[in-house]
Amino acid sequence: MRREKRLWLTLVLTLLMPLGGCDTSGPSSRASLSDGGRFMDLWSTYTHCSRSEDLDAMRADAQRLNREVNTIDSAEGLIHPESNEPVPPAPAIRLSADPAAMAASCALRAGQTAREMGRLNVAREMFHMVITNFPQQRYQHYAAKARLGLE
């Protein structure tokens, strides 16, 4: 009898264990960077921007990344207000990707390329995008380079 109870208990626990890890609340209605597909789309756009020689494609990539960062920022509040951290002299080495840094970097590169090509209106647009949309201290490296680009 004791053995039967032990088998019965083992069977019940074995059947219930997989249910314990299930999330029955349903999918979140908010878009999130934890969605690997969405992040990979951003990463793909950033990679295209950093490797492209086509200024119009780089400009479109920069605008897309900027829109996505604004969407993420408004939905999840990922970009925090300025802190008391000192301004780094160069981009910090990261173990994870920051979509805002990717957007700033892409816009900066597009601005520098446009300036080199003599397309000054596009250069100004891209440099202003960096300065206006990434004023936080952790992005000051990009903003400083954009200000230099405007001079």
N, C-alpha and C. Protein backbone atom coordinates (compact mmCIF):
# COMPACT_ATOMS: atom_id res chain seq x y z
N MET A 1 0.83 -1.19 0.00
CA MET A 1 0.00 0.00 0.00
C MET A 1 0.87 1.26 0.00
N ARG A 2 1.90 1.23 0.76
CA ARG A 2 2.79 2.37 0.85
C ARG A 2 3.48 2.62 -0.50
N ARG A 3 3.85 1.58 -1.15
CA ARG A 3 4.48 1.67 -2.47
C ARG A 3 3.51 2.25 -3.49
N GLU A 4 2.25 1.88 -3.43
CA GLU A 4 1.24 2.40 -4.35
C GLU A 4 1.06 3.91 -4.17
N LYS A 5 1.07 4.37 -2.92
CA LYS A 5 0.94 5.81 -2.66
C LYS A 5 2.13 6.56 -3.23
N ARG A 6 3.30 6.02 -3.06
CA ARG A 6 4.51 6.66 -3.55
C ARG A 6 4.48 6.74 -5.09
N LEU A 7 4.06 5.68 -5.74
CA LEU A 7 3.94 5.68 -7.20
C LEU A 7 2.89 6.68 -7.66
N TRP A 8 1.77 6.69 -6.97
CA TRP A 8 0.70 7.63 -7.31
C TRP A 8 1.18 9.08 -7.15
N LEU A 9 1.87 9.39 -6.06
CA LEU A 9 2.39 10.73 -5.81
C LEU A 9 3.43 11.11 -6.88
N THR A 10 4.29 10.20 -7.22
CA THR A 10 5.29 10.44 -8.26
C THR A 10 4.62 10.71 -9.60
N LEU A 11 3.61 9.95 -9.92
CA LEU A 11 2.89 10.14 -11.18
C LEU A 11 2.21 11.51 -11.22
N VAL A 12 1.55 11.89 -10.16
CA VAL A 12 0.86 13.18 -10.09
C VAL A 12 1.87 14.33 -10.20
N LEU A 13 2.97 14.25 -9.46
CA LEU A 13 3.98 15.30 -9.52
C LEU A 13 4.63 15.39 -10.90
N THR A 14 4.86 14.26 -11.50
CA THR A 14 5.46 14.23 -12.84
C THR A 14 4.53 14.89 -13.85
N LEU A 15 3.27 14.68 -13.73
CA LEU A 15 2.31 15.28 -14.65
C LEU A 15 2.13 16.78 -14.39
N LEU A 16 2.26 17.20 -13.13
CA LEU A 16 2.05 18.60 -12.79
C LEU A 16 3.29 19.48 -13.00
N MET A 17 4.48 18.89 -12.98
CA MET A 17 5.70 19.69 -13.11
C MET A 17 5.76 20.52 -14.38
N PRO A 18 5.44 19.99 -15.54
CA PRO A 18 5.51 20.83 -16.75
C PRO A 18 4.55 22.01 -16.70
N LEU A 19 3.44 21.87 -16.00
CA LEU A 19 2.49 22.97 -15.91
C LEU A 19 2.98 24.10 -15.04
N GLY A 20 3.87 23.81 -14.12
CA GLY A 20 4.37 24.82 -13.20
C GLY A 20 5.16 25.92 -13.89
N GLY A 21 5.80 25.61 -14.99
CA GLY A 21 6.61 26.59 -15.69
C GLY A 21 5.86 27.34 -16.77
N CYS A 22 4.62 27.04 -17.01
CA CYS A 22 3.87 27.69 -18.08
C CYS A 22 3.35 29.04 -17.63
N ASP A 23 3.41 30.00 -18.53
CA ASP A 23 2.86 31.32 -18.27
C ASP A 23 1.50 31.39 -18.95
N THR A 24 0.46 31.41 -18.15
CA THR A 24 -0.89 31.39 -18.72
C THR A 24 -1.47 32.79 -18.87
N SER A 25 -0.64 33.83 -18.60
CA SER A 25 -1.17 35.19 -18.69
C SER A 25 -1.28 35.67 -20.12
N GLY A 26 -0.73 34.96 -21.07
CA GLY A 26 -0.82 35.36 -22.48
C GLY A 26 0.31 36.28 -22.84
N PRO A 27 0.45 36.59 -24.12
CA PRO A 27 1.54 37.45 -24.56
C PRO A 27 1.33 38.88 -24.11
N SER A 28 2.44 39.56 -23.89
CA SER A 28 2.39 40.96 -23.48
C SER A 28 1.90 41.81 -24.64
N SER A 29 1.13 42.82 -24.34
CA SER A 29 0.65 43.70 -25.40
C SER A 29 1.70 44.73 -25.78
N ARG A 30 2.72 44.92 -24.91
CA ARG A 30 3.77 45.88 -25.21
C ARG A 30 4.86 45.25 -26.05
N ALA A 31 5.39 46.03 -26.98
CA ALA A 31 6.54 45.58 -27.75
C ALA A 31 7.75 45.64 -26.83
N SER A 32 8.64 44.70 -26.98
CA SER A 32 9.77 44.62 -26.09
C SER A 32 11.02 44.23 -26.83
N LEU A 33 12.16 44.71 -26.35
CA LEU A 33 13.42 44.33 -26.96
C LEU A 33 13.77 42.89 -26.65
N SER A 34 13.09 42.28 -25.68
CA SER A 34 13.36 40.88 -25.40
C SER A 34 12.88 40.01 -26.55
N ASP A 35 12.06 40.56 -27.42
CA ASP A 35 11.65 39.86 -28.62
C ASP A 35 12.87 39.79 -29.54
N GLY A 36 13.45 38.61 -29.62
CA GLY A 36 14.68 38.43 -30.37
C GLY A 36 14.57 38.85 -31.82
N GLY A 37 13.44 38.62 -32.44
CA GLY A 37 13.25 39.00 -33.83
C GLY A 37 13.34 40.50 -34.01
N ARG A 38 12.72 41.25 -33.12
CA ARG A 38 12.74 42.71 -33.24
C ARG A 38 14.16 43.24 -33.04
N PHE A 39 14.85 42.71 -32.04
CA PHE A 39 16.22 43.15 -31.82
C PHE A 39 17.10 42.80 -33.03
N MET A 40 16.91 41.63 -33.57
CA MET A 40 17.73 41.22 -34.71
C MET A 40 17.45 42.12 -35.92
N ASP A 41 16.23 42.60 -36.07
CA ASP A 41 15.92 43.56 -37.14
C ASP A 41 16.71 44.86 -36.92
N LEU A 42 16.75 45.33 -35.66
CA LEU A 42 17.51 46.54 -35.35
C LEU A 42 18.99 46.32 -35.62
N TRP A 43 19.48 45.17 -35.19
CA TRP A 43 20.90 44.86 -35.37
C TRP A 43 21.23 44.77 -36.86
N SER A 44 20.36 44.17 -37.62
CA SER A 44 20.57 44.05 -39.07
C SER A 44 20.62 45.44 -39.72
N THR A 45 19.73 46.32 -39.31
CA THR A 45 19.71 47.68 -39.85
C THR A 45 21.00 48.42 -39.48
N TYR A 46 21.41 48.28 -38.22
CA TYR A 46 22.65 48.92 -37.76
C TYR A 46 23.86 48.39 -38.54
N THR A 47 23.93 47.09 -38.69
CA THR A 47 25.04 46.48 -39.43
C THR A 47 25.07 46.96 -40.87
N HIS A 48 23.90 47.03 -41.49
CA HIS A 48 23.82 47.54 -42.86
C HIS A 48 24.34 48.97 -42.93
N CYS A 49 23.93 49.79 -41.97
CA CYS A 49 24.36 51.19 -41.93
C CYS A 49 25.87 51.29 -41.78
N SER A 50 26.44 50.48 -40.92
CA SER A 50 27.87 50.58 -40.65
C SER A 50 28.74 50.06 -41.79
N ARG A 51 28.16 49.25 -42.67
CA ARG A 51 28.93 48.68 -43.78
C ARG A 51 28.61 49.32 -45.13
N SER A 52 27.54 50.07 -45.19
CA SER A 52 27.05 50.59 -46.47
C SER A 52 27.94 51.72 -47.00
N GLU A 53 27.97 51.84 -48.29
CA GLU A 53 28.64 52.95 -48.97
C GLU A 53 27.60 53.88 -49.59
N ASP A 54 26.33 53.47 -49.56
CA ASP A 54 25.24 54.22 -50.17
C ASP A 54 24.66 55.20 -49.14
N LEU A 55 24.89 56.47 -49.36
CA LEU A 55 24.46 57.49 -48.40
C LEU A 55 22.95 57.48 -48.18
N ASP A 56 22.18 57.33 -49.23
CA ASP A 56 20.72 57.33 -49.07
C ASP A 56 20.26 56.14 -48.23
N ALA A 57 20.90 54.99 -48.40
CA ALA A 57 20.56 53.82 -47.60
C ALA A 57 20.96 54.04 -46.14
N MET A 58 22.12 54.66 -45.93
CA MET A 58 22.57 54.95 -44.56
C MET A 58 21.61 55.92 -43.88
N ARG A 59 21.18 56.93 -44.62
CA ARG A 59 20.24 57.91 -44.08
C ARG A 59 18.92 57.24 -43.69
N ALA A 60 18.43 56.36 -44.56
CA ALA A 60 17.19 55.64 -44.27
C ALA A 60 17.37 54.73 -43.04
N ASP A 61 18.53 54.08 -42.94
CA ASP A 61 18.81 53.23 -41.77
C ASP A 61 18.83 54.06 -40.49
N ALA A 62 19.48 55.22 -40.55
CA ALA A 62 19.56 56.09 -39.37
C ALA A 62 18.17 56.55 -38.94
N GLN A 63 17.35 56.92 -39.90
CA GLN A 63 15.99 57.36 -39.58
C GLN A 63 15.16 56.22 -38.99
N ARG A 64 15.32 55.02 -39.56
CA ARG A 64 14.58 53.86 -39.04
C ARG A 64 15.00 53.54 -37.61
N LEU A 65 16.32 53.49 -37.37
CA LEU A 65 16.80 53.20 -36.02
C LEU A 65 16.31 54.25 -35.03
N ASN A 66 16.34 55.51 -35.44
CA ASN A 66 15.87 56.58 -34.57
C ASN A 66 14.39 56.42 -34.24
N ARG A 67 13.58 56.09 -35.24
CA ARG A 67 12.13 55.87 -34.99
C ARG A 67 11.93 54.70 -34.01
N GLU A 68 12.67 53.63 -34.22
CA GLU A 68 12.53 52.46 -33.36
C GLU A 68 12.94 52.78 -31.92
N VAL A 69 14.02 53.52 -31.76
CA VAL A 69 14.46 53.90 -30.41
C VAL A 69 13.40 54.77 -29.75
N ASN A 70 12.81 55.69 -30.49
CA ASN A 70 11.74 56.52 -29.93
C ASN A 70 10.54 55.68 -29.53
N THR A 71 10.22 54.66 -30.33
CA THR A 71 9.10 53.77 -30.01
C THR A 71 9.40 52.98 -28.75
N ILE A 72 10.60 52.45 -28.67
CA ILE A 72 11.01 51.67 -27.50
C ILE A 72 11.03 52.55 -26.27
N ASP A 73 11.60 53.76 -26.42
CA ASP A 73 11.70 54.69 -25.30
C ASP A 73 10.33 55.04 -24.75
N SER A 74 9.37 55.31 -25.62
CA SER A 74 8.05 55.69 -25.14
C SER A 74 7.29 54.50 -24.56
N ALA A 75 7.54 53.30 -25.09
CA ALA A 75 6.82 52.12 -24.61
C ALA A 75 7.42 51.56 -23.33
N GLU A 76 8.73 51.62 -23.20
CA GLU A 76 9.37 50.93 -22.08
C GLU A 76 10.22 51.83 -21.20
N GLY A 77 10.46 53.05 -21.61
CA GLY A 77 11.27 53.94 -20.79
C GLY A 77 12.70 53.47 -20.65
N LEU A 78 13.32 52.95 -21.71
CA LEU A 78 14.68 52.43 -21.62
C LEU A 78 15.72 53.52 -21.49
N ILE A 79 15.47 54.70 -22.07
CA ILE A 79 16.47 55.75 -21.97
C ILE A 79 16.13 56.59 -20.75
N HIS A 80 17.02 56.53 -19.79
CA HIS A 80 16.79 57.20 -18.51
C HIS A 80 17.33 58.63 -18.56
N PRO A 81 16.82 59.49 -17.70
CA PRO A 81 17.33 60.85 -17.67
C PRO A 81 18.82 60.85 -17.32
N GLU A 82 19.43 61.98 -17.58
CA GLU A 82 20.86 62.09 -17.30
C GLU A 82 21.15 61.78 -15.84
N SER A 83 22.30 61.15 -15.63
CA SER A 83 22.73 60.85 -14.27
C SER A 83 23.96 61.67 -13.97
N ASN A 84 24.54 61.44 -12.82
CA ASN A 84 25.73 62.17 -12.41
C ASN A 84 27.01 61.48 -12.85
N GLU A 85 26.91 60.53 -13.75
CA GLU A 85 28.08 59.84 -14.24
C GLU A 85 28.94 60.78 -15.06
N PRO A 86 30.27 60.65 -14.96
CA PRO A 86 31.13 61.49 -15.80
C PRO A 86 30.99 61.11 -17.28
N VAL A 87 31.24 62.06 -18.14
CA VAL A 87 31.14 61.83 -19.58
C VAL A 87 32.32 60.98 -20.02
N PRO A 88 32.07 59.84 -20.66
CA PRO A 88 33.17 59.02 -21.12
C PRO A 88 33.84 59.65 -22.35
N PRO A 89 35.17 59.51 -22.48
CA PRO A 89 35.86 60.10 -23.62
C PRO A 89 35.56 59.37 -24.94
N ALA A 90 35.13 58.14 -24.86
CA ALA A 90 34.80 57.34 -26.05
C ALA A 90 33.66 56.41 -25.67
N PRO A 91 33.03 55.79 -26.67
CA PRO A 91 31.95 54.86 -26.33
C PRO A 91 32.44 53.76 -25.39
N ALA A 92 31.61 53.43 -24.44
CA ALA A 92 31.96 52.39 -23.48
C ALA A 92 31.93 51.02 -24.17
N ILE A 93 32.79 50.15 -23.70
CA ILE A 93 32.75 48.78 -24.20
C ILE A 93 31.55 48.12 -23.55
N ARG A 94 30.71 47.51 -24.34
CA ARG A 94 29.47 46.93 -23.83
C ARG A 94 29.43 45.45 -24.12
N LEU A 95 28.78 44.74 -23.23
CA LEU A 95 28.56 43.32 -23.46
C LEU A 95 27.19 43.07 -24.06
N SER A 96 26.40 44.11 -24.13
CA SER A 96 25.09 44.02 -24.79
C SER A 96 24.93 45.26 -25.66
N ALA A 97 24.05 45.19 -26.60
CA ALA A 97 23.87 46.31 -27.53
C ALA A 97 22.84 47.29 -27.02
N ASP A 98 23.11 48.55 -27.19
CA ASP A 98 22.20 49.63 -26.81
C ASP A 98 21.60 50.20 -28.09
N PRO A 99 20.31 50.01 -28.31
CA PRO A 99 19.69 50.49 -29.55
C PRO A 99 19.89 51.99 -29.77
N ALA A 100 19.88 52.78 -28.71
CA ALA A 100 20.08 54.22 -28.87
C ALA A 100 21.50 54.52 -29.33
N ALA A 101 22.47 53.81 -28.81
CA ALA A 101 23.86 54.01 -29.26
C ALA A 101 24.01 53.58 -30.72
N MET A 102 23.30 52.51 -31.09
CA MET A 102 23.35 52.08 -32.49
C MET A 102 22.77 53.15 -33.39
N ALA A 103 21.66 53.76 -32.98
CA ALA A 103 21.02 54.80 -33.78
C ALA A 103 21.92 56.04 -33.88
N ALA A 104 22.52 56.43 -32.75
CA ALA A 104 23.41 57.60 -32.76
C ALA A 104 24.63 57.35 -33.63
N SER A 105 25.20 56.18 -33.53
CA SER A 105 26.37 55.83 -34.32
C SER A 105 26.07 55.83 -35.81
N CYS A 106 24.94 55.26 -36.18
CA CYS A 106 24.54 55.20 -37.58
C CYS A 106 24.31 56.61 -38.14
N ALA A 107 23.61 57.45 -37.40
CA ALA A 107 23.34 58.82 -37.85
C ALA A 107 24.64 59.61 -37.96
N LEU A 108 25.54 59.41 -37.01
CA LEU A 108 26.83 60.09 -37.05
C LEU A 108 27.63 59.67 -38.28
N ARG A 109 27.66 58.39 -38.55
CA ARG A 109 28.39 57.88 -39.72
C ARG A 109 27.76 58.43 -41.01
N ALA A 110 26.44 58.44 -41.07
CA ALA A 110 25.77 58.98 -42.26
C ALA A 110 26.10 60.46 -42.43
N GLY A 111 26.13 61.21 -41.33
CA GLY A 111 26.49 62.63 -41.40
C GLY A 111 27.91 62.85 -41.87
N GLN A 112 28.84 62.06 -41.35
CA GLN A 112 30.23 62.18 -41.76
C GLN A 112 30.41 61.83 -43.24
N THR A 113 29.73 60.78 -43.68
CA THR A 113 29.81 60.38 -45.08
C THR A 113 29.21 61.46 -45.99
N ALA A 114 28.07 62.01 -45.58
CA ALA A 114 27.42 63.07 -46.37
C ALA A 114 28.34 64.29 -46.46
N ARG A 115 28.99 64.66 -45.38
CA ARG A 115 29.92 65.80 -45.40
C ARG A 115 31.07 65.54 -46.38
N GLU A 116 31.62 64.32 -46.33
CA GLU A 116 32.72 63.96 -47.24
C GLU A 116 32.28 64.01 -48.71
N MET A 117 31.01 63.70 -48.96
CA MET A 117 30.49 63.69 -50.32
C MET A 117 30.01 65.08 -50.77
N GLY A 118 30.04 66.04 -49.86
CA GLY A 118 29.60 67.39 -50.19
C GLY A 118 28.10 67.58 -50.10
N ARG A 119 27.39 66.63 -49.55
CA ARG A 119 25.93 66.75 -49.38
C ARG A 119 25.65 67.34 -48.00
N LEU A 120 25.87 68.62 -47.90
CA LEU A 120 25.85 69.29 -46.60
C LEU A 120 24.48 69.32 -45.94
N ASN A 121 23.41 69.36 -46.72
CA ASN A 121 22.06 69.35 -46.12
C ASN A 121 21.81 68.04 -45.38
N VAL A 122 22.21 66.93 -46.01
CA VAL A 122 22.04 65.62 -45.36
C VAL A 122 22.95 65.53 -44.15
N ALA A 123 24.17 66.04 -44.26
CA ALA A 123 25.10 66.02 -43.13
C ALA A 123 24.51 66.78 -41.94
N ARG A 124 23.99 67.98 -42.20
CA ARG A 124 23.38 68.76 -41.12
C ARG A 124 22.22 68.02 -40.48
N GLU A 125 21.38 67.43 -41.32
CA GLU A 125 20.21 66.69 -40.82
C GLU A 125 20.66 65.56 -39.88
N MET A 126 21.65 64.81 -40.29
CA MET A 126 22.11 63.68 -39.48
C MET A 126 22.78 64.15 -38.19
N PHE A 127 23.63 65.19 -38.28
CA PHE A 127 24.29 65.70 -37.08
C PHE A 127 23.28 66.28 -36.10
N HIS A 128 22.28 66.98 -36.61
CA HIS A 128 21.22 67.52 -35.72
C HIS A 128 20.43 66.38 -35.09
N MET A 129 20.21 65.31 -35.83
CA MET A 129 19.50 64.15 -35.28
C MET A 129 20.23 63.61 -34.05
N VAL A 130 21.55 63.51 -34.16
CA VAL A 130 22.34 63.00 -33.03
C VAL A 130 22.25 63.96 -31.84
N ILE A 131 22.49 65.23 -32.09
CA ILE A 131 22.51 66.22 -31.01
C ILE A 131 21.15 66.34 -30.33
N THR A 132 20.10 66.34 -31.13
CA THR A 132 18.74 66.53 -30.60
C THR A 132 18.20 65.30 -29.89
N ASN A 133 18.41 64.13 -30.47
CA ASN A 133 17.77 62.92 -29.96
C ASN A 133 18.59 62.15 -28.94
N PHE A 134 19.84 62.49 -28.76
CA PHE A 134 20.68 61.73 -27.83
C PHE A 134 21.46 62.68 -26.91
N PRO A 135 20.75 63.51 -26.12
CA PRO A 135 21.43 64.46 -25.25
C PRO A 135 21.95 63.86 -23.94
N GLN A 136 21.60 62.61 -23.66
CA GLN A 136 22.02 62.00 -22.40
C GLN A 136 23.54 61.90 -22.35
N GLN A 137 24.07 61.94 -21.14
CA GLN A 137 25.52 61.93 -20.95
C GLN A 137 26.19 60.71 -21.57
N ARG A 138 25.54 59.57 -21.50
CA ARG A 138 26.20 58.37 -22.02
C ARG A 138 26.35 58.39 -23.54
N TYR A 139 25.69 59.34 -24.22
CA TYR A 139 25.82 59.48 -25.67
C TYR A 139 26.59 60.74 -26.06
N GLN A 140 27.26 61.38 -25.09
CA GLN A 140 27.96 62.62 -25.36
C GLN A 140 29.09 62.46 -26.37
N HIS A 141 29.67 61.27 -26.45
CA HIS A 141 30.72 61.02 -27.45
C HIS A 141 30.16 61.27 -28.85
N TYR A 142 28.99 60.75 -29.12
CA TYR A 142 28.36 60.92 -30.43
C TYR A 142 27.96 62.37 -30.66
N ALA A 143 27.39 63.00 -29.64
CA ALA A 143 26.95 64.39 -29.76
C ALA A 143 28.15 65.32 -29.99
N ALA A 144 29.26 65.06 -29.31
CA ALA A 144 30.45 65.89 -29.48
C ALA A 144 30.98 65.78 -30.91
N LYS A 145 31.00 64.58 -31.44
CA LYS A 145 31.46 64.39 -32.82
C LYS A 145 30.48 65.05 -33.81
N ALA A 146 29.19 64.99 -33.50
CA ALA A 146 28.21 65.64 -34.37
C ALA A 146 28.38 67.15 -34.35
N ARG A 147 28.66 67.73 -33.17
CA ARG A 147 28.89 69.17 -33.09
C ARG A 147 30.13 69.56 -33.93
N LEU A 148 31.16 68.74 -33.85
CA LEU A 148 32.36 69.00 -34.67
C LEU A 148 32.00 68.93 -36.15
N GLY A 149 31.16 68.00 -36.51
CA GLY A 149 30.73 67.87 -37.90
C GLY A 149 29.97 69.07 -38.39
N LEU A 150 29.26 69.74 -37.50
CA LEU A 150 28.50 70.93 -37.90
C LEU A 150 29.38 72.15 -38.10
N GLU A 151 30.57 72.14 -37.52
CA GLU A 151 31.46 73.32 -37.61
C GLU A 151 32.13 73.45 -38.95
